């Protein structure tokens, strides 16, 4: 992760698909994924925004 002094440049650090995949892999490795049994709020909201733009 970038140092706090680089917060303004953070979006530039995670632009590559391969790099993002590697980061997600390392964050979730040996992690406990908790399923709450509820629907996602973010997914439908994102889909609505995309439909409005199209």
C-alpha atoms as a PDB file:
ATOM      1  CA  UNK A   1       0.000   0.000   0.000  1.00  0.00           C
ATOM      2  CA  UNK A   2       1.200   3.491  -0.689  1.00  0.00           C
ATOM      3  CA  UNK A   3       2.378   5.571   2.219  1.00  0.00           C
ATOM      4  CA  UNK A   4      -0.078   8.143   3.616  1.00  0.00           C
ATOM      5  CA  UNK A   5       1.823  10.942   1.902  1.00  0.00           C
ATOM      6  CA  UNK A   6       0.844   9.373  -1.448  1.00  0.00           C
ATOM      7  CA  UNK A   7      -2.926   9.202  -0.855  1.00  0.00           C
ATOM      8  CA  UNK A   8      -3.601  11.700  -3.604  1.00  0.00           C
ATOM      9  CA  UNK A   9      -1.853   9.434  -6.114  1.00  0.00           C
ATOM     10  CA  UNK A  10      -3.417   6.154  -4.921  1.00  0.00           C
ATOM     11  CA  UNK A  11      -5.779   5.696  -7.919  1.00  0.00           C
ATOM     12  CA  UNK A  12      -2.725   5.586 -10.163  1.00  0.00           C
ATOM     13  CA  UNK A  13      -1.286   2.694  -8.180  1.00  0.00           C
ATOM     14  CA  UNK A  14      -4.084   0.199  -8.908  1.00  0.00           C
ATOM     15  CA  UNK A  15      -4.849   0.720 -12.588  1.00  0.00           C
ATOM     16  CA  UNK A  16      -3.445  -2.514 -14.051  1.00  0.00           C
ATOM     17  CA  UNK A  17      -5.784  -5.509 -14.212  1.00  0.00           C
ATOM     18  CA  UNK A  18      -2.978  -7.916 -13.345  1.00  0.00           C
ATOM     19  CA  UNK A  19      -1.900  -5.807 -10.381  1.00  0.00           C
ATOM     20  CA  UNK A  20      -5.478  -5.494  -9.084  1.00  0.00           C
ATOM     21  CA  UNK A  21      -5.928  -9.254  -9.386  1.00  0.00           C
ATOM     22  CA  UNK A  22      -2.731  -9.840  -7.428  1.00  0.00           C
ATOM     23  CA  UNK A  23      -3.787  -7.426  -4.685  1.00  0.00           C
ATOM     24  CA  UNK A  24      -7.220  -9.015  -4.292  1.00  0.00           C
ATOM     25  CA  UNK A  25      -5.600 -12.455  -4.246  1.00  0.00           C
ATOM     26  CA  UNK A  26      -3.233 -11.468  -1.454  1.00  0.00           C
ATOM     27  CA  UNK A  27      -5.896  -9.697   0.591  1.00  0.00           C
ATOM     28  CA  UNK A  28      -8.288 -12.644   0.438  1.00  0.00           C
ATOM     29  CA  UNK A  29      -5.729 -15.450   0.823  1.00  0.00           C
ATOM     30  CA  UNK A  30      -6.430 -17.305   4.091  1.00  0.00           C
ATOM     31  CA  UNK A  31      -9.223 -14.826   4.785  1.00  0.00           C
ATOM     32  CA  UNK A  32     -12.601 -15.691   6.211  1.00  0.00           C
ATOM     33  CA  UNK A  33     -15.262 -14.545   3.777  1.00  0.00           C
ATOM     34  CA  UNK A  34     -18.481 -13.893   5.667  1.00  0.00           C
ATOM     35  CA  UNK A  35     -21.717 -14.191   3.734  1.00  0.00           C
ATOM     36  CA  UNK A  36     -24.455 -12.280   5.491  1.00  0.00           C
ATOM     37  CA  UNK A  37     -27.318 -13.708   3.459  1.00  0.00           C
ATOM     38  CA  UNK A  38     -28.450 -10.239   2.432  1.00  0.00           C
ATOM     39  CA  UNK A  39     -28.497  -8.684  -1.013  1.00  0.00           C
ATOM     40  CA  UNK A  40     -25.695  -6.395  -2.071  1.00  0.00           C
ATOM     41  CA  UNK A  41     -26.514  -2.691  -2.039  1.00  0.00           C
ATOM     42  CA  UNK A  42     -23.641  -1.591  -4.252  1.00  0.00           C
ATOM     43  CA  UNK A  43     -24.202  -3.964  -7.173  1.00  0.00           C
ATOM     44  CA  UNK A  44     -27.754  -2.802  -8.027  1.00  0.00           C
ATOM     45  CA  UNK A  45     -26.744   0.843  -7.548  1.00  0.00           C
ATOM     46  CA  UNK A  46     -23.803   0.454  -9.931  1.00  0.00           C
ATOM     47  CA  UNK A  47     -25.981  -1.311 -12.497  1.00  0.00           C
ATOM     48  CA  UNK A  48     -28.572   1.497 -12.342  1.00  0.00           C
ATOM     49  CA  UNK A  49     -25.878   4.128 -12.901  1.00  0.00           C
ATOM     50  CA  UNK A  50     -24.509   2.238 -15.901  1.00  0.00           C
ATOM     51  CA  UNK A  51     -27.985   1.877 -17.437  1.00  0.00           C
ATOM     52  CA  UNK A  52     -28.625   5.611 -17.068  1.00  0.00           C
ATOM     53  CA  UNK A  53     -25.331   6.460 -18.797  1.00  0.00           C
ATOM     54  CA  UNK A  54     -25.970   4.074 -21.705  1.00  0.00           C
END
